[in-house]
Each structure stands twice: as structure tokens, then as C-alpha cells.
Amino acid sequence: MNWHEEENKVKLHILHSLARSQRALARMIESMADVVEGSEEAARRLLVHIESISRYQRQIAMKMTGVRIRRRLRRGIPGKPWLGEKVRKTVLRERVRT
């Protein structure tokens, strides 16, 4: 096995570990949801820990794959919805009738 194959094997192992960690994190969140339902402070602390673990896992994944994973935040005012020509004509006809 050459160096590149070995490196890919290690990366794949780490990514499998990250996936397993994500599943475990999901189970923890589900089980903690009932516990923190009555306590805002406990929910806030849980959220901080979950975000911290998620950032850590994202950094590991980025370093292993070489792909940047960003959370997309959309800002601004959304544009008007685009309607196909057929739909637009139907909508205009219905407006004229009413």
C-alpha cells in the first residue's frame, strides 16, 4: 500500500469516527430534550456544549477532507418569487376574474 492509500485510509477512519460521534451527539440531544424542557438555564448550557462539540467536529472534518464547511447565513431582502410563463398567465387571469 502506498503513502496516498494509507493517508486516505486514515482519513476515512477519522470520518467514520466523526459520523459515529454525530450519531452519539444526536442521541444525547434527544435524551436531554426531556430533561431540559422545564429549565431554561439547563437548555442554555446544553446548547453551548453542543455548539462547542459541533465546531470541534467541523474543524476536524475540514482538516481531514480539505473541504471548507461553512454555515450559510443569508442576509438581505428576499427577491420576488419567480413564476414560469404559464403560471404567471394563470395567476393574472384569476386576478382579472375576481
Protein backbone atom coordinates (compact mmCIF):
# COMPACT_ATOMS: atom_id res chain seq x y z
CA MET A 1 0.00 0.00 0.00
CA ASN A 2 1.48 3.33 -0.99
CA TRP A 3 1.51 6.52 1.05
CA HIS A 4 -1.60 8.04 -0.56
CA GLU A 5 -3.68 4.93 0.00
CA GLU A 6 -2.61 4.83 3.63
CA GLU A 7 -3.44 8.51 4.09
CA ASN A 8 -6.89 8.02 2.54
CA LYS A 9 -7.49 5.01 4.78
CA VAL A 10 -6.67 7.07 7.88
CA LYS A 11 -8.88 9.95 6.70
CA LEU A 12 -11.74 7.57 6.05
CA HIS A 13 -11.35 6.09 9.53
CA ILE A 14 -11.46 9.56 11.09
CA LEU A 15 -14.54 10.49 9.05
CA HIS A 16 -16.26 7.28 10.18
CA SER A 17 -15.41 8.25 13.75
CA LEU A 18 -16.88 11.71 13.22
CA ALA A 19 -20.08 10.19 11.82
CA ARG A 20 -20.32 7.89 14.84
CA SER A 21 -19.76 10.90 17.10
CA GLN A 22 -22.53 12.82 15.32
CA ARG A 23 -24.94 9.92 15.88
CA ALA A 24 -24.00 9.81 19.57
CA LEU A 25 -24.50 13.57 19.80
CA ALA A 26 -27.95 13.23 18.25
CA ARG A 27 -28.88 10.57 20.81
CA MET A 28 -27.66 12.81 23.64
CA ILE A 29 -29.71 15.73 22.34
CA GLU A 30 -32.84 13.60 22.12
CA SER A 31 -32.43 12.22 25.63
CA MET A 32 -31.59 15.64 27.11
CA ALA A 33 -34.56 17.33 25.44
CA ASP A 34 -36.94 15.88 28.03
CA VAL A 35 -34.63 16.77 30.92
CA VAL A 36 -34.10 20.42 29.98
CA GLU A 37 -37.69 21.06 28.94
CA GLY A 38 -38.50 22.70 32.27
CA SER A 39 -35.23 24.56 32.79
CA GLU A 40 -34.06 27.40 30.55
CA GLU A 41 -30.64 27.50 32.20
CA ALA A 42 -30.02 23.79 31.61
CA ALA A 43 -31.16 24.17 28.00
CA ARG A 44 -28.81 27.13 27.51
CA ARG A 45 -25.85 25.21 28.92
CA LEU A 46 -26.66 22.20 26.77
CA LEU A 47 -26.81 24.41 23.69
CA VAL A 48 -23.37 25.88 24.47
CA HIS A 49 -21.85 22.41 24.84
CA ILE A 50 -23.48 21.09 21.67
CA GLU A 51 -22.29 24.08 19.64
CA SER A 52 -18.77 23.61 21.01
CA ILE A 53 -18.70 19.91 20.07
CA SER A 54 -20.12 20.70 16.62
CA ARG A 55 -17.45 23.35 15.95
CA TYR A 56 -14.75 20.94 17.02
CA GLN A 57 -16.08 18.19 14.75
CA ARG A 58 -16.43 20.64 11.84
CA GLN A 59 -12.79 21.68 12.23
CA ILE A 60 -11.61 18.07 12.25
CA ALA A 61 -13.68 17.28 9.15
CA MET A 62 -12.31 20.34 7.33
CA LYS A 63 -8.74 19.40 8.13
CA MET A 64 -9.23 15.80 7.05
CA THR A 65 -11.09 16.40 3.81
CA GLY A 66 -9.55 19.70 2.79
CA VAL A 67 -13.07 20.98 2.11
CA ARG A 68 -14.26 24.09 3.86
CA ILE A 69 -17.62 23.61 5.56
CA ARG A 70 -19.36 26.89 6.24
CA ARG A 71 -22.71 27.66 7.66
CA ARG A 72 -24.54 29.82 5.17
CA LEU A 73 -26.13 32.88 6.64
CA ARG A 74 -28.38 34.65 4.22
CA ARG A 75 -28.79 38.35 4.68
CA GLY A 76 -30.78 40.96 2.86
CA ILE A 77 -34.23 41.29 1.47
CA PRO A 78 -35.53 38.33 -0.48
CA GLY A 79 -36.44 38.93 -4.10
CA LYS A 80 -39.83 38.45 -5.69
CA PRO A 81 -40.79 34.85 -6.39
CA TRP A 82 -40.11 33.71 -9.92
CA LEU A 83 -43.08 32.31 -11.77
CA GLY A 84 -42.97 30.47 -15.07
CA GLU A 85 -44.78 31.99 -18.04
CA LYS A 86 -47.67 29.50 -17.84
CA VAL A 87 -48.19 30.05 -14.13
CA ARG A 88 -47.94 33.82 -14.45
CA LYS A 89 -50.68 33.88 -17.14
CA THR A 90 -52.93 31.69 -14.98
CA VAL A 91 -52.44 33.93 -11.94
CA LEU A 92 -53.17 37.06 -14.00
CA ARG A 93 -56.35 35.52 -15.44
CA GLU A 94 -57.59 34.60 -11.97
CA ARG A 95 -56.92 38.13 -10.69
CA VAL A 96 -58.91 39.63 -13.54
CA ARG A 97 -61.88 37.36 -12.77
CA THR A 98 -62.09 38.39 -9.12
